[in-house]
C-alpha cells in the first residue's frame, strides 16, 4: 500500500541522514545537536538512518513535549510540534505531508519558507494497548510523494517501539513520583512520631529482628545500634510485667485480639503503653510481621498511683474520723443533757476536724504548715487575728495525724479562751512559741500556748470533756504530751509533739 500526499516527489529514500547545523527542541534542555532520553535516542538515530531524513523527533502526546530529537533548530522544533499536534487520539494512520509548501497551515512557516526549507513532514502515532501515547515525527528538505506499504510497516514498527518506550518511561516516572511521595510521607510520619515521642517498631517474627525509631530506643534505655533483636526488648521489661506482656502478645499473634499491654522498663522505671497487631501472615496463617507502637505513660501512671494512694489514705482517714466523731458525740452527750448545748459543742469540734481535713486535702494528704493550721483554728474565735495572735515559731510541717490531733487541741483551747480567758476581752491575746528540737528519737515540736491580758484565772473544780479532749487528742501520736496550767495571769498549755 502506498500513501500519497499533496506533492509530487521521489519516494522516501533509504540514505544516510543529511548533515547540518542543528538545535535541540526548546521544550527540553536547550542544548544544540541531538538530545533527550539517551535510551530513546537509539530509535531516533535508527529512524534518521533508515529513512534518510534530516530531522527526527519523538514526542509524548499527553504532555506535548519532546522525548528525544535530532537535526533541530527552533523553527524545526516548532514545525515538528505542529505536525505531532495534528494527531488525535483516534487517528491510527500516519500523517504525511509530502510538500509543506503546498500545505495551507505549514507553507508560511519559517522552517518551510526559510532555512532549512523543510518540505517533507510525517507524523506517526505511537500506540500502546489501543491508546495513542505519543508520536514519531520525520522531516526533510526533500519533498516525498508518499510512503510505500513497506515503509509504513517499518514506521509502524518503530512507532510501536516508541509507544512502548514512552509508556515504560511514563510508568517509571510515575513510580518515581509515587516513591517520592511515599518517602516524603514516611519522613513526615517518622517526624510526627518522634515529635510526639511515640516509639514505633516492626518485628520480623521469623528472624526475631526488630527495626524501630529513635524514640523506641530511648524509651527502653538502650544504646543506639545498627540492629536489635526481640529478646533485647523482652529482657528490658520489668520481670513483674514480662509474663503478662508475653501472654498478651501471644493472644494477638494467634489472632484473638490486638496487642495491648502496659509495662515498665526495668532500667529506667518508665511506664510504656504498647499497642500492635499482626501485619502479615504466611500461607498457613502464621504471623510473619508484627507492627506496633509504644507511648510513654509514666506521668499518667504516676498520677494514677498517687490517686490510688490518696484514696487509700482518704479511706483510712474517713474510718478514723468516723470513729473519732462517734467518740466525740458520746463524750459530749455525757457532759450535757441540753440538746442546744450539745449541738453547739459538737458542731464546733466537728468544724475543727473539718478545717484540718480541708488543709490536708488541699495538700493531697501530705504535710501542712503549722501557721496555716493555727490560723484555721483560731480565726473564728478572734476579732483581729493579727492583733490578738502573736506567733514566734520555726518553720514546722505537720503530718495528717499530727494536724488532726493538734487541730482539736487548738480548737478546745481557743473555745475556752473565748468563753472564759484572754479572747473573752477586747485586749486579750494569745502568744505562741513553737520550736523544732532535734532529740535522740528524732525531731520534736515544743509548742507553748500562753494567754495574756485576760481576766484572772482559777483552776476549775471539775474537769470537763474539753479538758479531757485537750489531754487525749494527741494520743494517736506516740510520744506526744499536753500539759495545761491555770496560772493567775492566764492559761498556759505546753505541747510536745514528735514530728
Protein backbone atom coordinates (compact mmCIF):
# COMPACT_ATOMS: atom_id res chain seq x y z
CA UNK A 1 0.00 0.00 0.00
CA UNK A 2 1.21 3.49 -0.89
CA UNK A 3 0.05 6.59 0.90
CA UNK A 4 0.29 9.53 -1.49
CA UNK A 5 0.25 13.10 -0.23
CA UNK A 6 -0.16 16.53 -1.81
CA UNK A 7 3.20 16.92 -3.57
CA UNK A 8 4.92 15.08 -6.42
CA UNK A 9 8.33 13.97 -5.18
CA UNK A 10 10.56 10.90 -5.15
CA UNK A 11 9.74 8.23 -2.57
CA UNK A 12 11.37 8.30 0.87
CA UNK A 13 14.99 7.35 0.37
CA UNK A 14 16.98 4.81 2.34
CA UNK A 15 20.02 7.05 2.59
CA UNK A 16 22.14 8.45 5.45
CA UNK A 17 20.68 11.48 7.24
CA UNK A 18 21.50 14.86 5.83
CA UNK A 19 24.18 16.69 7.80
CA UNK A 20 23.83 20.23 9.00
CA UNK A 21 23.82 22.54 11.98
CA UNK A 22 21.07 21.53 14.41
CA UNK A 23 19.49 22.84 17.62
CA UNK A 24 17.73 20.94 20.38
CA UNK A 25 13.97 21.02 20.88
CA UNK A 26 13.32 24.06 23.11
CA UNK A 27 10.84 22.11 25.23
CA UNK A 28 13.74 20.21 26.77
CA UNK A 29 17.24 21.29 27.79
CA UNK A 30 18.04 23.89 25.12
CA UNK A 31 21.32 22.22 24.11
CA UNK A 32 22.37 22.06 20.43
CA UNK A 33 22.58 18.79 18.43
CA UNK A 34 20.94 15.54 19.32
CA UNK A 35 19.26 15.41 22.73
CA UNK A 36 16.69 13.88 25.04
CA UNK A 37 16.39 10.49 26.69
CA UNK A 38 19.59 8.53 25.92
CA UNK A 39 17.70 5.23 25.62
CA UNK A 40 15.20 6.56 23.10
CA UNK A 41 17.97 8.26 21.10
CA UNK A 42 18.80 4.81 19.68
CA UNK A 43 15.41 4.80 17.94
CA UNK A 44 15.95 8.40 16.75
CA UNK A 45 19.26 7.53 15.11
CA UNK A 46 17.79 4.38 13.60
CA UNK A 47 14.85 6.29 12.07
CA UNK A 48 17.13 9.04 10.68
CA UNK A 49 19.47 6.46 9.16
CA UNK A 50 16.85 4.12 7.70
CA UNK A 51 14.66 6.81 6.18
CA UNK A 52 17.43 9.24 5.26
CA UNK A 53 15.84 12.36 6.76
CA UNK A 54 17.38 15.43 8.34
CA UNK A 55 15.22 15.76 11.46
CA UNK A 56 13.55 13.18 13.69
CA UNK A 57 11.62 13.70 16.93
CA UNK A 58 9.72 11.54 19.35
CA UNK A 59 7.10 13.32 21.40
CA UNK A 60 4.71 12.43 24.19
CA UNK A 61 1.16 13.19 23.12
CA UNK A 62 -0.09 13.67 26.66
CA UNK A 63 2.47 16.32 27.62
CA UNK A 64 3.12 17.65 24.05
CA UNK A 65 6.81 17.54 24.84
CA UNK A 66 9.75 16.01 23.02
CA UNK A 67 11.29 12.86 24.48
CA UNK A 68 14.27 12.72 22.04
CA UNK A 69 15.31 14.50 18.83
CA UNK A 70 17.98 15.18 16.21
CA UNK A 71 18.51 17.73 13.40
CA UNK A 72 16.69 20.58 15.13
CA UNK A 73 16.70 24.32 15.34
CA UNK A 74 13.95 26.41 16.92
CA UNK A 75 11.84 26.64 13.76
CA UNK A 76 12.15 22.92 13.04
CA UNK A 77 11.14 22.16 16.62
CA UNK A 78 8.05 24.27 16.27
CA UNK A 79 7.12 22.69 12.94
CA UNK A 80 7.51 19.16 14.30
CA UNK A 81 5.37 20.03 17.30
CA UNK A 82 2.66 21.31 14.93
CA UNK A 83 2.78 18.10 12.94
CA UNK A 84 2.63 15.93 16.05
CA UNK A 85 -0.17 18.06 17.40
CA UNK A 86 -2.34 17.25 14.38
CA UNK A 87 -2.58 13.67 15.56
CA UNK A 88 -5.70 12.97 17.55
CA UNK A 89 -6.23 10.11 19.97
CA UNK A 90 -8.49 8.49 17.37
CA UNK A 91 -6.03 8.60 14.47
CA UNK A 92 -4.40 5.26 13.64
CA UNK A 93 -2.58 6.10 10.35
CA UNK A 94 0.48 8.24 9.70
CA UNK A 95 0.01 11.92 8.89
CA UNK A 96 2.13 12.55 5.78
CA UNK A 97 2.76 15.93 4.17
CA UNK A 98 4.81 15.32 1.03
CA UNK A 99 5.43 19.01 0.34
CA UNK A 100 4.83 21.50 3.11
CA UNK A 101 4.90 24.36 0.59
CA UNK A 102 1.52 23.16 -0.64
CA UNK A 103 0.06 22.73 2.90
CA UNK A 104 -2.22 25.61 3.87
CA UNK A 105 -1.15 25.54 7.51
CA UNK A 106 2.57 24.98 7.09
CA UNK A 107 3.57 26.78 3.87
CA UNK A 108 4.20 30.08 5.63
CA UNK A 109 6.13 28.50 8.50
CA UNK A 110 9.74 29.82 8.79
CA UNK A 111 11.14 26.27 8.72
CA UNK A 112 9.43 25.82 5.33
CA UNK A 113 9.74 29.24 3.73
CA UNK A 114 13.22 29.86 5.12
CA UNK A 115 16.12 27.71 6.30
CA UNK A 116 16.32 24.74 6.31
CA UNK A 117 13.44 24.76 3.83
CA UNK A 118 11.67 21.62 5.03
CA UNK A 119 9.30 20.05 2.55
CA UNK A 120 8.54 16.53 3.69
CA UNK A 121 6.88 16.20 7.12
CA UNK A 122 5.50 12.96 8.55
CA UNK A 123 3.99 12.16 11.99
CA UNK A 124 3.21 8.57 13.01
CA UNK A 125 1.06 7.82 16.11
CA UNK A 126 2.70 5.62 18.78
CA UNK A 127 0.10 3.27 20.21
CA UNK A 128 0.08 1.07 23.32
CA UNK A 129 -2.83 -1.21 24.25
CA UNK A 130 -5.16 0.61 21.87
CA UNK A 131 -4.30 4.09 23.17
CA UNK A 132 -2.11 6.63 21.38
CA UNK A 133 0.58 7.81 23.81
CA UNK A 134 2.97 9.74 21.52
CA UNK A 135 4.27 10.24 18.01
CA UNK A 136 7.31 9.72 15.80
CA UNK A 137 7.91 12.72 13.52
CA UNK A 138 10.20 12.91 10.46
CA UNK A 139 11.15 15.96 8.39
CA UNK A 140 13.47 16.62 5.45
CA UNK A 141 14.13 19.41 2.90
CA UNK A 142 13.46 16.98 0.03
CA UNK A 143 9.76 16.51 -0.79
CA UNK A 144 8.26 12.99 -0.98
CA UNK A 145 5.39 11.56 -2.99
CA UNK A 146 4.25 9.37 -0.09
CA UNK A 147 5.09 6.19 1.80
CA UNK A 148 5.16 2.69 0.39
CA UNK A 149 3.49 -0.16 2.21
CA UNK A 150 6.90 -1.42 3.33
CA UNK A 151 7.81 1.99 4.67
CA UNK A 152 4.53 2.21 6.50
CA UNK A 153 5.21 -1.14 8.15
CA UNK A 154 8.71 -0.04 9.16
CA UNK A 155 7.43 3.22 10.58
CA UNK A 156 4.61 1.49 12.44
CA UNK A 157 7.10 -0.98 13.91
CA UNK A 158 9.28 1.91 15.05
CA UNK A 159 6.23 3.74 16.37
CA UNK A 160 5.22 0.64 18.33
CA UNK A 161 8.68 0.55 19.87
CA UNK A 162 8.40 4.26 20.60
CA UNK A 163 4.99 3.79 22.22
CA UNK A 164 6.28 1.02 24.46
CA UNK A 165 9.29 3.09 25.46
CA UNK A 166 7.17 6.16 26.20
CA UNK A 167 4.77 4.03 28.25
CA UNK A 168 7.66 2.48 30.17
CA UNK A 169 9.16 5.91 30.78
CA UNK A 170 5.87 7.30 31.99
CA UNK A 171 5.40 4.28 34.26
CA UNK A 172 8.91 4.72 35.59
CA UNK A 173 8.32 8.44 36.14
CA UNK A 174 5.04 7.72 37.90
CA UNK A 175 6.71 5.12 40.09
CA UNK A 176 9.44 7.62 40.92
CA UNK A 177 6.80 10.21 41.82
CA UNK A 178 4.91 7.66 43.92
CA UNK A 179 8.11 6.63 45.66
CA UNK A 180 8.97 10.27 46.30
CA UNK A 181 5.51 10.87 47.76
CA UNK A 182 5.79 7.68 49.83
CA UNK A 183 9.26 8.67 51.02
CA UNK A 184 8.01 12.15 51.94
CA UNK A 185 5.01 10.67 53.75
CA UNK A 186 7.26 8.23 55.60
CA UNK A 187 9.59 11.05 56.63
CA UNK A 188 6.65 13.15 57.76
CA UNK A 189 5.21 10.16 59.63
CA UNK A 190 8.58 9.47 61.28
CA UNK A 191 8.95 13.13 62.28
CA UNK A 192 5.43 13.17 63.72
CA UNK A 193 6.12 10.03 65.78
CA UNK A 194 9.41 11.48 67.00
CA UNK A 195 7.82 14.82 67.88
CA UNK A 196 5.03 13.04 69.77
CA UNK A 197 7.57 10.75 71.50
CA UNK A 198 5.87 7.65 70.10
CA UNK A 199 8.10 4.61 69.68
CA UNK A 200 7.31 2.58 66.56
CA UNK A 201 8.60 -0.94 65.89
CA UNK A 202 8.41 -3.65 63.23
CA UNK A 203 9.13 -7.22 64.30
CA UNK A 204 10.17 -9.89 61.81
CA UNK A 205 8.79 -12.88 63.70
CA UNK A 206 10.76 -15.43 61.65
CA UNK A 207 14.19 -13.89 62.30
CA UNK A 208 13.44 -12.06 65.55
CA UNK A 209 14.86 -8.82 64.12
CA UNK A 210 13.20 -5.59 65.24
CA UNK A 211 13.51 -2.28 63.41
CA UNK A 212 12.42 0.77 65.38
CA UNK A 213 12.75 4.54 65.63
CA UNK A 214 14.96 6.54 68.00
CA UNK A 215 12.08 7.22 70.41
CA UNK A 216 11.65 3.48 70.97
CA UNK A 217 15.35 3.07 71.74
CA UNK A 218 15.24 5.95 74.24
CA UNK A 219 12.17 4.57 75.99
CA UNK A 220 13.94 1.29 76.70
CA UNK A 221 17.17 3.00 77.76
CA UNK A 222 19.19 1.23 75.07
CA UNK A 223 22.28 2.41 73.24
CA UNK A 224 21.89 3.19 69.51
CA UNK A 225 22.75 0.14 67.39
CA UNK A 226 22.56 -0.99 63.78
CA UNK A 227 20.10 -3.76 64.62
CA UNK A 228 18.09 -5.13 67.53
CA UNK A 229 16.60 -8.50 68.39
CA UNK A 230 13.23 -9.07 70.05
CA UNK A 231 14.92 -10.57 73.11
CA UNK A 232 16.76 -7.24 73.64
CA UNK A 233 13.42 -5.58 74.33
CA UNK A 234 11.76 -8.52 76.11
CA UNK A 235 14.59 -8.75 78.67
CA UNK A 236 14.47 -4.97 79.21
CA UNK A 237 10.91 -5.21 80.55
CA UNK A 238 10.42 -5.40 84.31
CA UNK A 239 10.12 -9.05 85.31
CA UNK A 240 6.84 -8.41 87.14
CA UNK A 241 5.29 -7.25 83.84
CA UNK A 242 7.09 -9.52 81.36
CA UNK A 243 4.87 -12.61 81.71
CA UNK A 244 1.63 -10.67 81.31
CA UNK A 245 3.03 -8.80 78.32
CA UNK A 246 4.11 -12.03 76.59
CA UNK A 247 0.67 -13.56 77.17
CA UNK A 248 -0.98 -10.54 75.55
CA UNK A 249 1.46 -10.76 72.65
CA UNK A 250 0.71 -14.46 72.09
CA UNK A 251 -3.04 -13.76 72.03
CA UNK A 252 -2.51 -11.06 69.42
CA UNK A 253 -0.32 -13.33 67.28
CA UNK A 254 -3.00 -16.04 67.46
CA UNK A 255 -5.48 -13.53 66.06
CA UNK A 256 -7.59 -13.42 69.20
CA UNK A 257 -7.15 -9.68 69.83
CA UNK A 258 -4.91 -6.71 69.13
CA UNK A 259 -1.84 -6.44 71.34
CA UNK A 260 -2.44 -4.09 74.27
CA UNK A 261 -0.21 -4.01 77.33
CA UNK A 262 1.21 -1.59 79.89
CA UNK A 263 4.73 -2.39 81.02
CA UNK A 264 7.62 -0.95 83.00
CA UNK A 265 11.17 -0.71 81.70
CA UNK A 266 13.42 -2.29 84.30
CA UNK A 267 16.41 0.02 83.74
CA UNK A 268 14.56 3.35 83.74
CA UNK A 269 11.32 2.64 85.60
CA UNK A 270 9.38 4.30 82.77
CA UNK A 271 5.84 3.09 82.09
CA UNK A 272 5.02 2.28 78.44
CA UNK A 273 1.67 1.61 76.81
CA UNK A 274 2.11 -0.83 73.92
CA UNK A 275 -0.35 -1.34 71.06
CA UNK A 276 0.08 -3.52 67.96
CA UNK A 277 -1.21 -6.22 65.64
CA UNK A 278 -0.06 -8.82 63.13
CA UNK A 279 0.76 -7.05 59.86
CA UNK A 280 1.47 -10.09 57.66
CA UNK A 281 0.87 -13.86 57.83
CA UNK A 282 2.18 -16.70 55.69
CA UNK A 283 0.08 -19.13 53.67
CA UNK A 284 -0.53 -21.25 56.78
CA UNK A 285 -1.75 -18.24 58.75
CA UNK A 286 1.34 -17.97 60.92
CA UNK A 287 2.38 -14.40 61.78
CA UNK A 288 5.46 -13.19 59.94
CA UNK A 289 5.47 -9.45 60.60
CA UNK A 290 4.19 -7.68 63.72
CA UNK A 291 3.74 -3.91 63.81
CA UNK A 292 3.35 -1.84 66.98
CA UNK A 293 3.86 1.41 68.85
CA UNK A 294 4.80 2.34 72.42
CA UNK A 295 3.74 5.51 74.23
CA UNK A 296 5.38 6.79 77.40
CA UNK A 297 2.61 6.96 80.03
CA UNK A 298 4.84 7.39 83.08
CA UNK A 299 3.16 10.64 84.15
CA UNK A 300 -0.30 9.08 83.80
CA UNK A 301 0.74 6.00 85.78
CA UNK A 302 2.35 8.17 88.45
CA UNK A 303 -0.83 10.22 88.70
CA UNK A 304 -2.94 7.08 88.85
CA UNK A 305 -0.78 5.60 91.60
CA UNK A 306 -0.93 8.87 93.52
CA UNK A 307 -4.71 8.85 93.18
CA UNK A 308 -4.90 5.28 94.46
CA UNK A 309 -2.66 6.18 97.41
CA UNK A 310 -4.79 9.23 98.16
CA UNK A 311 -7.96 7.15 98.03
CA UNK A 312 -6.45 4.60 100.41
CA UNK A 313 -5.31 7.39 102.69
CA UNK A 314 -8.72 9.04 102.48
CA UNK A 315 -10.45 5.75 103.25
CA UNK A 316 -8.19 5.30 106.27
CA UNK A 317 -8.79 8.86 107.43
CA UNK A 318 -12.55 8.63 106.98
CA UNK A 319 -12.68 5.48 109.10
CA UNK A 320 -10.55 7.15 111.81
CA UNK A 321 -12.61 10.33 111.60
CA UNK A 322 -15.90 8.46 111.94
CA UNK A 323 -14.56 6.64 114.99
CA UNK A 324 -13.39 9.96 116.43
CA UNK A 325 -16.76 11.61 115.74
CA UNK A 326 -18.62 8.78 117.44
CA UNK A 327 -16.39 9.14 120.48
CA UNK A 328 -16.78 12.92 120.48
CA UNK A 329 -20.55 12.63 120.23
CA UNK A 330 -20.77 10.14 123.12
CA UNK A 331 -18.43 12.13 125.36
CA UNK A 332 -20.18 15.42 124.58
CA UNK A 333 -23.57 13.89 125.39
CA UNK A 334 -22.26 12.69 128.74
CA UNK A 335 -21.32 16.23 129.65
CA UNK A 336 -24.71 17.84 128.87
CA UNK A 337 -28.36 16.92 128.60
CA UNK A 338 -29.26 20.17 126.82
CA UNK A 339 -29.67 19.45 123.08
CA UNK A 340 -28.76 23.00 122.13
CA UNK A 341 -25.59 22.96 124.22
CA UNK A 342 -24.71 19.55 122.74
CA UNK A 343 -25.16 20.82 119.16
CA UNK A 344 -23.03 23.90 119.85
CA UNK A 345 -20.18 21.96 121.42
CA UNK A 346 -20.31 19.10 118.94
CA UNK A 347 -20.57 21.38 115.88
CA UNK A 348 -17.50 23.31 116.98
CA UNK A 349 -15.45 20.16 117.38
CA UNK A 350 -16.74 18.84 114.06
CA UNK A 351 -15.69 22.11 112.42
CA UNK A 352 -12.19 21.83 113.90
CA UNK A 353 -11.76 18.38 112.37
CA UNK A 354 -13.19 19.63 109.06
CA UNK A 355 -10.72 22.53 108.91
CA UNK A 356 -7.77 20.19 109.46
CA UNK A 357 -9.11 17.77 106.83
CA UNK A 358 -9.57 20.62 104.37
CA UNK A 359 -5.96 21.72 104.74
CA UNK A 360 -4.71 18.14 104.35
CA UNK A 361 -6.89 17.59 101.29
CA UNK A 362 -5.51 20.75 99.66
CA UNK A 363 -2.03 19.28 100.14
CA UNK A 364 -3.03 15.78 98.94
CA UNK A 365 -2.81 14.44 102.50
CA UNK A 366 0.82 15.36 102.78
CA UNK A 367 2.44 17.75 105.26
CA UNK A 368 0.85 21.12 106.08
CA UNK A 369 2.33 24.20 107.75
CA UNK A 370 1.74 24.85 111.43
CA UNK A 371 1.00 28.53 110.71
CA UNK A 372 -1.87 27.52 108.36
CA UNK A 373 -3.38 25.23 110.99
CA UNK A 374 -3.12 27.93 113.67
CA UNK A 375 -4.95 30.44 111.50
CA UNK A 376 -7.72 27.98 110.55
CA UNK A 377 -8.43 27.02 114.19
CA UNK A 378 -8.11 30.45 115.83
CA UNK A 379 -9.60 32.80 113.23
CA UNK A 380 -13.25 32.01 114.15
CA UNK A 381 -12.60 32.95 117.81
CA UNK A 382 -10.82 36.34 117.39
CA UNK A 383 -11.93 39.74 116.17
CA UNK A 384 -8.48 40.78 114.80
CA UNK A 385 -6.16 37.87 114.12
CA UNK A 386 -3.03 39.96 113.57
CA UNK A 387 -3.54 41.93 116.80
CA UNK A 388 -4.73 39.10 119.04
CA UNK A 389 -2.47 36.26 117.92
CA UNK A 390 1.30 36.61 118.38
CA UNK A 391 3.41 33.81 116.92
CA UNK A 392 7.07 33.01 117.45
CA UNK A 393 7.92 29.83 115.57
CA UNK A 394 10.26 27.82 113.45
CA UNK A 395 9.08 26.53 110.06
CA UNK A 396 7.13 23.44 111.14
CA UNK A 397 5.42 20.85 108.90
CA UNK A 398 2.75 18.54 110.31
CA UNK A 399 1.60 15.13 109.09
CA UNK A 400 -2.08 14.06 108.93
CA UNK A 401 -2.36 12.51 112.42
CA UNK A 402 -0.46 15.40 113.96
CA UNK A 403 -2.58 18.02 112.15
CA UNK A 404 -5.95 16.50 113.08
CA UNK A 405 -4.99 15.90 116.75
CA UNK A 406 -3.33 19.29 117.23
CA UNK A 407 -6.27 20.97 115.46
CA UNK A 408 -8.67 19.59 118.09
CA UNK A 409 -6.37 20.73 120.90
CA UNK A 410 -6.15 24.24 119.48
CA UNK A 411 -9.93 24.35 118.97
CA UNK A 412 -10.62 23.42 122.60
CA UNK A 413 -8.04 25.92 123.90
CA UNK A 414 -9.46 28.67 121.68
CA UNK A 415 -13.07 27.84 122.69
CA UNK A 416 -12.19 28.05 126.41
CA UNK A 417 -10.22 31.27 125.81
CA UNK A 418 -13.19 32.82 124.01
CA UNK A 419 -15.60 31.86 126.80
CA UNK A 420 -13.53 32.46 129.93
CA UNK A 421 -9.99 33.52 129.07
CA UNK A 422 -7.93 36.05 127.11
CA UNK A 423 -10.13 36.03 123.99
CA UNK A 424 -13.21 36.95 126.04
CA UNK A 425 -11.98 40.56 126.44
CA UNK A 426 -11.01 43.11 123.75
CA UNK A 427 -7.38 43.48 124.80
CA UNK A 428 -6.63 39.82 125.39
CA UNK A 429 -4.32 37.90 123.10
CA UNK A 430 -2.63 34.54 122.58
CA UNK A 431 1.14 34.16 122.37
CA UNK A 432 2.52 31.09 120.60
CA UNK A 433 6.04 29.80 120.78
CA UNK A 434 6.89 26.85 118.53
CA UNK A 435 10.31 25.32 118.16
CA UNK A 436 11.53 22.25 116.35
CA UNK A 437 14.10 20.45 118.51
CA UNK A 438 16.36 17.58 117.47
CA UNK A 439 16.23 14.85 120.11
CA UNK A 440 17.64 11.33 120.20
CA UNK A 441 14.32 9.92 118.99
CA UNK A 442 14.08 12.48 116.17
CA UNK A 443 12.68 15.94 115.56
CA UNK A 444 10.11 17.12 118.14
CA UNK A 445 7.79 20.15 118.23
CA UNK A 446 7.71 22.08 121.50
CA UNK A 447 4.72 24.40 121.39
CA UNK A 448 3.60 26.79 124.15
CA UNK A 449 0.16 28.45 124.28
CA UNK A 450 0.08 31.44 126.61
CA UNK A 451 -2.97 33.65 127.25
CA UNK A 452 -2.19 37.29 128.03
CA UNK A 453 -4.42 40.21 129.08
CA UNK A 454 -7.44 38.18 130.04
CA UNK A 455 -9.38 38.01 133.31
CA UNK A 456 -7.79 36.35 136.40
CA UNK A 457 -7.73 32.58 136.09
CA UNK A 458 -8.57 29.97 138.69
CA UNK A 459 -8.26 26.25 138.19
CA UNK A 460 -11.70 24.67 137.57
CA UNK A 461 -13.08 22.38 140.29
CA UNK A 462 -14.36 19.87 137.75
CA UNK A 463 -12.61 18.71 134.64
CA UNK A 464 -14.94 18.89 131.66
CA UNK A 465 -14.79 16.96 128.41
CA UNK A 466 -12.91 19.86 126.81
CA UNK A 467 -10.06 19.43 129.26
CA UNK A 468 -10.04 15.70 128.67
CA UNK A 469 -10.07 16.25 124.92
CA UNK A 470 -7.09 18.60 125.15
CA UNK A 471 -5.11 15.96 127.01
CA UNK A 472 -6.23 12.99 124.86
CA UNK A 473 -6.43 14.38 121.29
CA UNK A 474 -2.81 13.58 120.56
CA UNK A 475 -2.90 10.01 121.87
CA UNK A 476 -2.52 8.62 118.32
CA UNK A 477 0.89 10.30 118.04
CA UNK A 478 3.37 8.22 120.03
CA UNK A 479 5.47 10.24 122.46
CA UNK A 480 3.17 13.28 122.48
CA UNK A 481 2.04 15.08 125.63
CA UNK A 482 -0.14 18.06 126.57
CA UNK A 483 0.05 19.83 129.92
CA UNK A 484 -2.36 22.67 130.84
CA UNK A 485 -1.53 25.08 133.68
CA UNK A 486 -4.14 27.50 135.09
CA UNK A 487 -1.85 30.38 136.11
CA UNK A 488 -3.43 33.55 137.56
CA UNK A 489 -2.31 35.66 134.59
CA UNK A 490 -3.72 33.23 132.04
CA UNK A 491 -3.95 29.65 130.87
CA UNK A 492 -0.72 28.10 129.59
CA UNK A 493 -0.57 24.90 127.57
CA UNK A 494 2.69 23.10 126.87
CA UNK A 495 2.58 20.63 123.98
CA UNK A 496 5.20 18.10 122.98
CA UNK A 497 4.66 16.52 119.55
CA UNK A 498 7.08 14.24 117.67
CA UNK A 499 7.30 15.32 114.00
